[in-house]
Amino acid sequence: MPIDAAKALAAEPRTGEITWDHKDVQLYHLGVGAGIPATDPDELRYTLESRLHVLPSFATVAGAGKPGVTGGLSMPGIEVDLARVLHGGQSLVIHRPIPATGTATATNRIAAVYDKGKAAVLVLRTEVGDADGPLWTNDAQIFIRGEGGWGGDRGPSARLDPPAGEPDRVLERHVREDQALLYRLSGDWNPLHADPEFAKVAGFERPILHGLCTYGITLKAVVDALLGGDVTRVRSCATRFAGVVYPGETLRIRMWHTPESTRVAVSAVERDDAPVLADTIVEHT
């Protein structure tokens, strides 16, 4: 069997140094749609090095995105076809604000392996810290079609009850035709997001946007619309990837806001509000 759950869970964590600087941060921000309008003072906080603050979701690509989803598939006990792989969900906990330039130690391991029957789910955990202590903890839920059915633990349900009432804010964000090509320069080189032939083999009509790009676009919208543009207020952000986004589409971002957290639902406008992100919660001060 391609997945050996016991071997994957018992494997020694992989530890390595990651580095980033302001250029990496600026490139990531552009990849999630920052800089429009280019001279807007609120946008210059994402694009101009003299004013730069770091969107917390940059943690998902810091150090060129290592290990990333594809890196997790090279862990002991894991041998799968990349065309069967989808990013199922992401959770990020921020322990303190991310500096615009940094060197840190990243420790990566498979934290869980779940048997969903017709698929397997791997939880790839990345814990990052520097000389001053922990910076962030990232959990990527990796969904592998056709690899379940061995009788293992099904794991917890990621589904939440729908938010009550009408949203407090509704925003729309256009995804550029070249958005995936720009975003992948931050380190996710999966050909699913660029190669039409590979996308067809994977079952899609054309390349799709990275789920983590939608995740970053969404977190930026919450920060800008509800948190006064203050990235340091974000404590965590968790989501389930409920559907795909094609470059060129428009995202509709619905927000239900409280002083401690914001529930978010994201859909694709041009496909009758097809769900894109679900069960999304941003915790903040």
C-alpha atoms as a PDB file:
ATOM      1  CA  MET A   1       0.000   0.000   0.000  1.00  0.00           C
ATOM      2  CA  PRO A   2       1.389   3.452  -0.935  1.00  0.00           C
ATOM      3  CA  ILE A   3       0.734   4.916   2.550  1.00  0.00           C
ATOM      4  CA  ASP A   4       2.196   3.209   5.607  1.00  0.00           C
ATOM      5  CA  ALA A   5       0.515   5.166   8.416  1.00  0.00           C
ATOM      6  CA  ALA A   6       2.581   3.659  11.220  1.00  0.00           C
ATOM      7  CA  LYS A   7       5.852   4.359   9.425  1.00  0.00           C
ATOM      8  CA  ALA A   8       4.823   7.916   8.560  1.00  0.00           C
ATOM      9  CA  LEU A   9       3.816   8.730  12.146  1.00  0.00           C
ATOM     10  CA  ALA A  10       6.955   7.145  13.617  1.00  0.00           C
ATOM     11  CA  ALA A  11       9.360   8.942  11.296  1.00  0.00           C
ATOM     12  CA  GLU A  12      11.847  11.345  12.844  1.00  0.00           C
ATOM     13  CA  PRO A  13      10.929  15.014  12.359  1.00  0.00           C
ATOM     14  CA  ARG A  14      12.903  16.868   9.715  1.00  0.00           C
ATOM     15  CA  THR A  15      14.534  20.051  10.898  1.00  0.00           C
ATOM     16  CA  GLY A  16      16.160  22.712   8.764  1.00  0.00           C
ATOM     17  CA  GLU A  17      16.910  26.402   8.549  1.00  0.00           C
ATOM     18  CA  ILE A  18      14.701  28.727   6.547  1.00  0.00           C
ATOM     19  CA  THR A  19      15.382  32.338   5.634  1.00  0.00           C
ATOM     20  CA  TRP A  20      13.415  35.135   4.017  1.00  0.00           C
ATOM     21  CA  ASP A  21      13.767  38.834   3.358  1.00  0.00           C
ATOM     22  CA  HIS A  22      11.599  41.762   2.310  1.00  0.00           C
ATOM     23  CA  LYS A  23      11.640  40.686  -1.366  1.00  0.00           C
ATOM     24  CA  ASP A  24      10.077  37.333  -0.471  1.00  0.00           C
ATOM     25  CA  VAL A  25       7.406  39.080   1.580  1.00  0.00           C
ATOM     26  CA  GLN A  26       6.650  41.607  -1.176  1.00  0.00           C
ATOM     27  CA  LEU A  27       6.429  38.872  -3.820  1.00  0.00           C
ATOM     28  CA  TYR A  28       4.011  36.891  -1.655  1.00  0.00           C
ATOM     29  CA  HIS A  29       1.857  39.956  -1.064  1.00  0.00           C
ATOM     30  CA  LEU A  30       1.671  40.614  -4.806  1.00  0.00           C
ATOM     31  CA  GLY A  31       0.785  36.943  -5.294  1.00  0.00           C
ATOM     32  CA  VAL A  32      -2.293  37.332  -3.090  1.00  0.00           C
ATOM     33  CA  GLY A  33      -3.447  40.491  -4.834  1.00  0.00           C
ATOM     34  CA  ALA A  34      -1.823  43.323  -2.867  1.00  0.00           C
ATOM     35  CA  GLY A  35      -0.888  46.573  -4.569  1.00  0.00           C
ATOM     36  CA  ILE A  36      -4.233  47.529  -6.122  1.00  0.00           C
ATOM     37  CA  PRO A  37      -4.399  50.536  -6.313  1.00  0.00           C
ATOM     38  CA  ALA A  38      -0.611  50.703  -6.450  1.00  0.00           C
ATOM     39  CA  THR A  39      -0.326  54.105  -4.706  1.00  0.00           C
ATOM     40  CA  ASP A  40      -2.947  53.460  -2.007  1.00  0.00           C
ATOM     41  CA  PRO A  41      -1.236  54.048   1.384  1.00  0.00           C
ATOM     42  CA  ASP A  42      -2.999  50.980   2.790  1.00  0.00           C
ATOM     43  CA  GLU A  43      -1.579  48.832  -0.013  1.00  0.00           C
ATOM     44  CA  LEU A  44       1.920  50.299   0.316  1.00  0.00           C
ATOM     45  CA  ARG A  45       2.129  48.560   3.706  1.00  0.00           C
ATOM     46  CA  TYR A  46       2.247  45.340   1.708  1.00  0.00           C
ATOM     47  CA  THR A  47       4.430  46.441  -1.186  1.00  0.00           C
ATOM     48  CA  LEU A  48       6.905  49.155  -0.106  1.00  0.00           C
ATOM     49  CA  GLU A  49       9.900  47.971   1.890  1.00  0.00           C
ATOM     50  CA  SER A  50      10.114  51.126   4.023  1.00  0.00           C
ATOM     51  CA  ARG A  51       6.551  50.571   5.318  1.00  0.00           C
ATOM     52  CA  LEU A  52       6.388  46.786   5.155  1.00  0.00           C
ATOM     53  CA  HIS A  53       4.345  44.682   7.495  1.00  0.00           C
ATOM     54  CA  VAL A  54       3.865  40.926   7.004  1.00  0.00           C
ATOM     55  CA  LEU A  55       0.522  39.261   6.377  1.00  0.00           C
ATOM     56  CA  PRO A  56       0.473  36.232   8.738  1.00  0.00           C
ATOM     57  CA  SER A  57      -0.346  33.811   5.929  1.00  0.00           C
ATOM     58  CA  PHE A  58       3.163  34.491   4.583  1.00  0.00           C
ATOM     59  CA  ALA A  59       4.085  31.732   7.046  1.00  0.00           C
ATOM     60  CA  THR A  60       2.750  29.197   4.517  1.00  0.00           C
ATOM     61  CA  VAL A  61       5.474  30.132   1.996  1.00  0.00           C
ATOM     62  CA  ALA A  62       8.356  31.388   4.179  1.00  0.00           C
ATOM     63  CA  GLY A  63      11.579  29.671   3.199  1.00  0.00           C
ATOM     64  CA  ALA A  64      10.216  29.109  -0.329  1.00  0.00           C
ATOM     65  CA  GLY A  65       7.300  27.130   1.060  1.00  0.00           C
ATOM     66  CA  LYS A  66       9.352  24.246   2.426  1.00  0.00           C
ATOM     67  CA  PRO A  67       8.273  21.561   3.030  1.00  0.00           C
ATOM     68  CA  GLY A  68       4.899  22.413   1.494  1.00  0.00           C
ATOM     69  CA  VAL A  69       2.387  19.875   0.275  1.00  0.00           C
ATOM     70  CA  THR A  70       4.774  18.171  -2.146  1.00  0.00           C
ATOM     71  CA  GLY A  71       7.488  18.069   0.518  1.00  0.00           C
ATOM     72  CA  GLY A  72       5.152  16.197   2.827  1.00  0.00           C
ATOM     73  CA  LEU A  73       4.697  13.544   0.175  1.00  0.00           C
ATOM     74  CA  SER A  74       8.399  12.659   0.393  1.00  0.00           C
ATOM     75  CA  MET A  75       8.212  11.741   4.077  1.00  0.00           C
ATOM     76  CA  PRO A  76       8.867   8.077   5.059  1.00  0.00           C
ATOM     77  CA  GLY A  77       5.844   5.840   4.533  1.00  0.00           C
ATOM     78  CA  ILE A  78       4.319   8.136   1.896  1.00  0.00           C
ATOM     79  CA  GLU A  79       4.437   7.312  -1.802  1.00  0.00           C
ATOM     80  CA  VAL A  80       1.555   8.662  -3.874  1.00  0.00           C
ATOM     81  CA  ASP A  81       0.703  10.009  -7.314  1.00  0.00           C
ATOM     82  CA  LEU A  82       0.837  13.820  -7.283  1.00  0.00           C
ATOM     83  CA  ALA A  83      -2.139  13.966  -9.664  1.00  0.00           C
ATOM     84  CA  ARG A  84      -4.310  12.452  -6.895  1.00  0.00           C
ATOM     85  CA  VAL A  85      -3.330  15.061  -4.329  1.00  0.00           C
ATOM     86  CA  LEU A  86      -5.441  18.017  -3.217  1.00  0.00           C
ATOM     87  CA  HIS A  87      -4.901  20.450  -0.380  1.00  0.00           C
ATOM     88  CA  GLY A  88      -7.842  19.758   1.920  1.00  0.00           C
ATOM     89  CA  GLY A  89      -7.396  22.412   4.579  1.00  0.00           C
ATOM     90  CA  GLN A  90      -4.997  24.663   6.436  1.00  0.00           C
ATOM     91  CA  SER A  91      -4.656  25.944   9.972  1.00  0.00           C
ATOM     92  CA  LEU A  92      -2.117  28.497  11.126  1.00  0.00           C
ATOM     93  CA  VAL A  93      -1.354  29.722  14.639  1.00  0.00           C
ATOM     94  CA  ILE A  94       0.755  32.864  14.949  1.00  0.00           C
ATOM     95  CA  HIS A  95       2.770  33.064  18.169  1.00  0.00           C
ATOM     96  CA  ARG A  96       4.126  36.572  17.496  1.00  0.00           C
ATOM     97  CA  PRO A  97       4.342  38.958  14.530  1.00  0.00           C
ATOM     98  CA  ILE A  98       6.459  37.722  11.624  1.00  0.00           C
ATOM     99  CA  PRO A  99       9.466  39.951  10.871  1.00  0.00           C
ATOM    100  CA  ALA A 100      10.037  41.177   7.313  1.00  0.00           C
ATOM    101  CA  THR A 101      13.503  39.582   7.330  1.00  0.00           C
ATOM    102  CA  GLY A 102      14.278  36.465   9.269  1.00  0.00           C
ATOM    103  CA  THR A 103      16.181  33.244   9.835  1.00  0.00           C
ATOM    104  CA  ALA A 104      14.408  30.454  11.687  1.00  0.00           C
ATOM    105  CA  THR A 105      14.363  26.716  12.327  1.00  0.00           C
ATOM    106  CA  ALA A 106      11.486  24.722  10.825  1.00  0.00           C
ATOM    107  CA  THR A 107      10.585  21.294  12.202  1.00  0.00           C
ATOM    108  CA  ASN A 108       8.326  19.169  10.000  1.00  0.00           C
ATOM    109  CA  ARG A 109       6.517  15.918  10.693  1.00  0.00           C
ATOM    110  CA  ILE A 110       3.422  13.945   9.824  1.00  0.00           C
ATOM    111  CA  ALA A 111       1.154  14.665  12.803  1.00  0.00           C
ATOM    112  CA  ALA A 112      -1.753  12.419  11.745  1.00  0.00           C
ATOM    113  CA  VAL A 113      -2.899  10.006   9.033  1.00  0.00           C
ATOM    114  CA  TYR A 114      -6.645   9.526   8.599  1.00  0.00           C
ATOM    115  CA  ASP A 115      -8.566   6.926   6.612  1.00  0.00           C
ATOM    116  CA  LYS A 116     -11.607   8.547   4.977  1.00  0.00           C
ATOM    117  CA  GLY A 117     -12.594   5.424   3.062  1.00  0.00           C
ATOM    118  CA  LYS A 118     -12.126   6.592  -0.524  1.00  0.00           C
ATOM    119  CA  ALA A 119      -9.228   8.856   0.395  1.00  0.00           C
ATOM    120  CA  ALA A 120      -6.469   9.385   2.925  1.00  0.00           C
ATOM    121  CA  VAL A 121      -5.746  12.622   4.765  1.00  0.00           C
ATOM    122  CA  LEU A 122      -2.265  13.509   5.981  1.00  0.00           C
ATOM    123  CA  VAL A 123      -1.710  16.293   8.492  1.00  0.00           C
ATOM    124  CA  LEU A 124       1.700  17.836   7.848  1.00  0.00           C
ATOM    125  CA  ARG A 125       2.769  19.962  10.835  1.00  0.00           C
ATOM    126  CA  THR A 126       5.454  22.629  10.600  1.00  0.00           C
ATOM    127  CA  GLU A 127       6.650  24.374  13.743  1.00  0.00           C
ATOM    128  CA  VAL A 128       8.877  27.400  13.239  1.00  0.00           C
ATOM    129  CA  GLY A 129      10.903  29.401  15.727  1.00  0.00           C
ATOM    130  CA  ASP A 130      13.939  31.678  15.890  1.00  0.00           C
ATOM    131  CA  ALA A 131      16.374  32.761  18.588  1.00  0.00           C
ATOM    132  CA  ASP A 132      13.572  34.639  20.357  1.00  0.00           C
ATOM    133  CA  GLY A 133      11.194  31.653  20.540  1.00  0.00           C
ATOM    134  CA  PRO A 134       8.252  30.204  18.582  1.00  0.00           C
ATOM    135  CA  LEU A 135       6.961  32.119  15.552  1.00  0.00           C
ATOM    136  CA  TRP A 136       4.177  29.985  14.085  1.00  0.00           C
ATOM    137  CA  THR A 137       2.667  26.510  13.779  1.00  0.00           C
ATOM    138  CA  ASN A 138       1.231  25.389  10.438  1.00  0.00           C
ATOM    139  CA  ASP A 139      -0.962  22.325   9.828  1.00  0.00           C
ATOM    140  CA  ALA A 140      -1.651  21.364   6.213  1.00  0.00           C
ATOM    141  CA  GLN A 141      -4.351  18.750   5.605  1.00  0.00           C
ATOM    142  CA  ILE A 142      -3.379  16.844   2.460  1.00  0.00           C
ATOM    143  CA  PHE A 143      -6.197  14.920   0.749  1.00  0.00           C
ATOM    144  CA  ILE A 144      -5.113  11.945  -1.378  1.00  0.00           C
ATOM    145  CA  ARG A 145      -7.842  10.447  -3.544  1.00  0.00           C
ATOM    146  CA  GLY A 146      -8.058   6.678  -3.814  1.00  0.00           C
ATOM    147  CA  GLU A 147      -5.650   5.947  -0.948  1.00  0.00           C
ATOM    148  CA  GLY A 148      -8.052   5.179   1.933  1.00  0.00           C
ATOM    149  CA  GLY A 149      -9.815   1.996   2.955  1.00  0.00           C
ATOM    150  CA  TRP A 150      -7.273   0.276   5.198  1.00  0.00           C
ATOM    151  CA  GLY A 151      -9.455   0.510   8.329  1.00  0.00           C
ATOM    152  CA  GLY A 152      -7.589   3.320  10.042  1.00  0.00           C
ATOM    153  CA  ASP A 153      -8.810   6.187  12.206  1.00  0.00           C
ATOM    154  CA  ARG A 154     -11.239   8.437  10.307  1.00  0.00           C
ATOM    155  CA  GLY A 155     -10.184  11.458  12.351  1.00  0.00           C
ATOM    156  CA  PRO A 156     -12.286  14.420  13.495  1.00  0.00           C
ATOM    157  CA  SER A 157     -14.878  16.128  11.342  1.00  0.00           C
ATOM    158  CA  ALA A 158     -13.809  19.526  10.010  1.00  0.00           C
ATOM    159  CA  ARG A 159     -17.384  20.682   9.402  1.00  0.00           C
ATOM    160  CA  LEU A 160     -18.807  23.536  11.471  1.00  0.00           C
ATOM    161  CA  ASP A 161     -22.366  24.758  11.866  1.00  0.00           C
ATOM    162  CA  PRO A 162     -23.126  27.542   9.352  1.00  0.00           C
ATOM    163  CA  PRO A 163     -22.799  31.129  10.640  1.00  0.00           C
ATOM    164  CA  ALA A 164     -26.043  32.609  11.942  1.00  0.00           C
ATOM    165  CA  GLY A 165     -27.705  35.585  10.295  1.00  0.00           C
ATOM    166  CA  GLU A 166     -26.608  37.836   7.487  1.00  0.00           C
ATOM    167  CA  PRO A 167     -22.871  38.591   7.094  1.00  0.00           C
ATOM    168  CA  ASP A 168     -21.486  41.821   8.518  1.00  0.00           C
ATOM    169  CA  ARG A 169     -19.402  42.479   5.414  1.00  0.00           C
ATOM    170  CA  VAL A 170     -19.408  41.165   1.853  1.00  0.00           C
ATOM    171  CA  LEU A 171     -16.450  41.916  -0.424  1.00  0.00           C
ATOM    172  CA  GLU A 172     -15.495  40.815  -3.915  1.00  0.00           C
ATOM    173  CA  ARG A 173     -11.943  40.225  -5.090  1.00  0.00           C
ATOM    174  CA  HIS A 174     -11.023  39.588  -8.727  1.00  0.00           C
ATOM    175  CA  VAL A 175      -8.440  36.866  -9.379  1.00  0.00           C
ATOM    176  CA  ARG A 176      -6.145  37.852 -12.229  1.00  0.00           C
ATOM    177  CA  GLU A 177      -5.542  35.488 -15.134  1.00  0.00           C
ATOM    178  CA  ASP A 178      -1.860  35.292 -14.163  1.00  0.00           C
ATOM    179  CA  GLN A 179      -2.461  35.057 -10.395  1.00  0.00           C
ATOM    180  CA  ALA A 180      -1.407  31.397 -10.084  1.00  0.00           C
ATOM    181  CA  LEU A 181       1.702  31.997 -12.201  1.00  0.00           C
ATOM    182  CA  LEU A 182       2.715  34.851  -9.906  1.00  0.00           C
ATOM    183  CA  TYR A 183       1.828  33.073  -6.673  1.00  0.00           C
ATOM    184  CA  ARG A 184       3.796  29.929  -7.553  1.00  0.00           C
ATOM    185  CA  LEU A 185       7.010  31.992  -7.592  1.00  0.00           C
ATOM    186  CA  SER A 186       6.784  31.939  -3.788  1.00  0.00           C
ATOM    187  CA  GLY A 187       7.610  28.231  -3.837  1.00  0.00           C
ATOM    188  CA  ASP A 188       4.655  25.981  -4.751  1.00  0.00           C
ATOM    189  CA  TRP A 189       5.716  24.540  -8.106  1.00  0.00           C
ATOM    190  CA  ASN A 190       2.945  21.943  -8.447  1.00  0.00           C
ATOM    191  CA  PRO A 191       2.227  21.856 -12.210  1.00  0.00           C
ATOM    192  CA  LEU A 192      -1.504  21.623 -11.431  1.00  0.00           C
ATOM    193  CA  HIS A 193      -1.448  25.424 -11.192  1.00  0.00           C
ATOM    194  CA  ALA A 194       0.325  26.141 -14.465  1.00  0.00           C
ATOM    195  CA  ASP A 195       0.334  23.188 -16.902  1.00  0.00           C
ATOM    196  CA  PRO A 196      -2.965  22.647 -18.801  1.00  0.00           C
ATOM    197  CA  GLU A 197      -2.089  19.052 -19.712  1.00  0.00           C
ATOM    198  CA  PHE A 198      -1.263  18.129 -16.111  1.00  0.00           C
ATOM    199  CA  ALA A 199      -4.483  19.784 -14.943  1.00  0.00           C
ATOM    200  CA  LYS A 200      -6.505  17.623 -17.350  1.00  0.00           C
ATOM    201  CA  VAL A 201      -4.827  14.462 -16.059  1.00  0.00           C
ATOM    202  CA  ALA A 202      -5.783  15.574 -12.549  1.00  0.00           C
ATOM    203  CA  GLY A 203      -9.412  15.992 -13.650  1.00  0.00           C
ATOM    204  CA  PHE A 204      -9.669  19.758 -14.146  1.00  0.00           C
ATOM    205  CA  GLU A 205     -10.562  21.633 -17.309  1.00  0.00           C
ATOM    206  CA  ARG A 206      -7.582  23.984 -16.857  1.00  0.00           C
ATOM    207  CA  PRO A 207      -5.019  24.951 -14.189  1.00  0.00           C
ATOM    208  CA  ILE A 208      -6.525  25.981 -10.865  1.00  0.00           C
ATOM    209  CA  LEU A 209      -5.483  28.595  -8.335  1.00  0.00           C
ATOM    210  CA  HIS A 210      -3.534  27.435  -5.295  1.00  0.00           C
ATOM    211  CA  GLY A 211      -5.823  26.964  -2.313  1.00  0.00           C
ATOM    212  CA  LEU A 212      -3.277  28.819  -0.196  1.00  0.00           C
ATOM    213  CA  CYS A 213      -3.488  31.775  -2.563  1.00  0.00           C
ATOM    214  CA  THR A 214      -7.240  31.994  -1.922  1.00  0.00           C
ATOM    215  CA  TYR A 215      -6.438  31.596   1.789  1.00  0.00           C
ATOM    216  CA  GLY A 216      -4.055  34.581   1.650  1.00  0.00           C
ATOM    217  CA  ILE A 217      -6.472  36.723  -0.368  1.00  0.00           C
ATOM    218  CA  THR A 218      -9.163  35.987   2.214  1.00  0.00           C
ATOM    219  CA  LEU A 219      -7.022  36.736   5.261  1.00  0.00           C
ATOM    220  CA  LYS A 220      -5.898  40.035   3.702  1.00  0.00           C
ATOM    221  CA  ALA A 221      -9.546  40.966   3.118  1.00  0.00           C
ATOM    222  CA  VAL A 222     -10.378  40.324   6.788  1.00  0.00           C
ATOM    223  CA  VAL A 223      -7.350  42.294   8.020  1.00  0.00           C
ATOM    224  CA  ASP A 224      -8.063  45.253   5.757  1.00  0.00           C
ATOM    225  CA  ALA A 225     -11.848  45.367   6.195  1.00  0.00           C
ATOM    226  CA  LEU A 226     -12.300  44.482   9.867  1.00  0.00           C
ATOM    227  CA  LEU A 227      -8.962  44.770  11.716  1.00  0.00           C
ATOM    228  CA  GLY A 228      -7.934  48.256  10.641  1.00  0.00           C
ATOM    229  CA  GLY A 229      -5.155  46.865   8.462  1.00  0.00           C
ATOM    230  CA  ASP A 230      -3.277  45.697  11.584  1.00  0.00           C
ATOM    231  CA  VAL A 231      -1.702  42.306  10.800  1.00  0.00           C
ATOM    232  CA  THR A 232      -0.485  41.930  14.392  1.00  0.00           C
ATOM    233  CA  ARG A 233      -4.065  41.402  15.602  1.00  0.00           C
ATOM    234  CA  VAL A 234      -4.326  38.003  13.889  1.00  0.00           C
ATOM    235  CA  ARG A 235      -3.874  35.028  16.229  1.00  0.00           C
ATOM    236  CA  SER A 236      -4.888  32.136  13.967  1.00  0.00           C
ATOM    237  CA  CYS A 237      -6.602  31.286  10.703  1.00  0.00           C
ATOM    238  CA  ALA A 238      -8.125  27.915   9.825  1.00  0.00           C
ATOM    239  CA  THR A 239     -10.017  26.876   6.707  1.00  0.00           C
ATOM    240  CA  ARG A 240     -11.317  23.940   4.708  1.00  0.00           C
ATOM    241  CA  PHE A 241     -10.831  24.035   0.930  1.00  0.00           C
ATOM    242  CA  ALA A 242     -14.344  23.305  -0.321  1.00  0.00           C
ATOM    243  CA  GLY A 243     -13.856  23.866  -4.055  1.00  0.00           C
ATOM    244  CA  VAL A 244     -11.507  25.142  -6.719  1.00  0.00           C
ATOM    245  CA  VAL A 245     -10.899  28.620  -8.089  1.00  0.00           C
ATOM    246  CA  TYR A 246      -9.940  29.227 -11.707  1.00  0.00           C
ATOM    247  CA  PRO A 247      -7.750  32.257 -12.491  1.00  0.00           C
ATOM    248  CA  GLY A 248      -9.897  35.034 -13.928  1.00  0.00           C
ATOM    249  CA  GLU A 249     -12.825  34.391 -11.581  1.00  0.00           C
ATOM    250  CA  THR A 250     -14.191  36.653  -8.848  1.00  0.00           C
ATOM    251  CA  LEU A 251     -14.231  35.669  -5.173  1.00  0.00           C
ATOM    252  CA  ARG A 252     -17.170  36.676  -2.996  1.00  0.00           C
ATOM    253  CA  ILE A 253     -15.993  36.920   0.636  1.00  0.00           C
ATOM    254  CA  ARG A 254     -18.696  36.933   3.327  1.00  0.00           C
ATOM    255  CA  MET A 255     -17.672  37.832   6.908  1.00  0.00           C
ATOM    256  CA  TRP A 256     -19.451  37.386  10.254  1.00  0.00           C
ATOM    257  CA  HIS A 257     -17.516  39.466  12.775  1.00  0.00           C
ATOM    258  CA  THR A 258     -17.186  39.421  16.586  1.00  0.00           C
ATOM    259  CA  PRO A 259     -14.537  41.111  18.775  1.00  0.00           C
ATOM    260  CA  GLU A 260     -12.593  37.836  19.125  1.00  0.00           C
ATOM    261  CA  SER A 261     -13.080  36.096  15.786  1.00  0.00           C
ATOM    262  CA  THR A 262     -14.446  36.337  12.267  1.00  0.00           C
ATOM    263  CA  ARG A 263     -16.224  33.531  10.422  1.00  0.00           C
ATOM    264  CA  VAL A 264     -15.694  33.640   6.666  1.00  0.00           C
ATOM    265  CA  ALA A 265     -17.220  31.902   3.649  1.00  0.00           C
ATOM    266  CA  VAL A 266     -15.778  32.324   0.157  1.00  0.00           C
ATOM    267  CA  SER A 267     -17.436  31.451  -3.146  1.00  0.00           C
ATOM    268  CA  ALA A 268     -16.847  31.810  -6.898  1.00  0.00           C
ATOM    269  CA  VAL A 269     -19.223  34.454  -8.260  1.00  0.00           C
ATOM    270  CA  GLU A 270     -19.246  33.305 -11.884  1.00  0.00           C
ATOM    271  CA  ARG A 271     -20.188  29.721 -10.963  1.00  0.00           C
ATOM    272  CA  ASP A 272     -23.375  30.561  -9.050  1.00  0.00           C
ATOM    273  CA  ASP A 273     -21.505  31.139  -5.800  1.00  0.00           C
ATOM    274  CA  ALA A 274     -19.893  27.699  -5.798  1.00  0.00           C
ATOM    275  CA  PRO A 275     -18.207  27.227  -2.379  1.00  0.00           C
ATOM    276  CA  VAL A 276     -14.433  27.739  -2.328  1.00  0.00           C
ATOM    277  CA  LEU A 277     -13.468  28.144   1.351  1.00  0.00           C
ATOM    278  CA  ALA A 278     -15.681  26.808   4.132  1.00  0.00           C
ATOM    279  CA  ASP A 279     -15.472  26.455   7.913  1.00  0.00           C
ATOM    280  CA  THR A 280     -13.085  29.405   7.948  1.00  0.00           C
ATOM    281  CA  ILE A 281     -12.305  31.154  11.235  1.00  0.00           C
ATOM    282  CA  VAL A 282      -9.859  34.012  11.837  1.00  0.00           C
ATOM    283  CA  GLU A 283      -9.155  34.523  15.548  1.00  0.00           C
ATOM    284  CA  HIS A 284      -7.902  37.966  16.493  1.00  0.00           C
ATOM    285  CA  THR A 285      -7.688  40.625  19.161  1.00  0.00           C
END
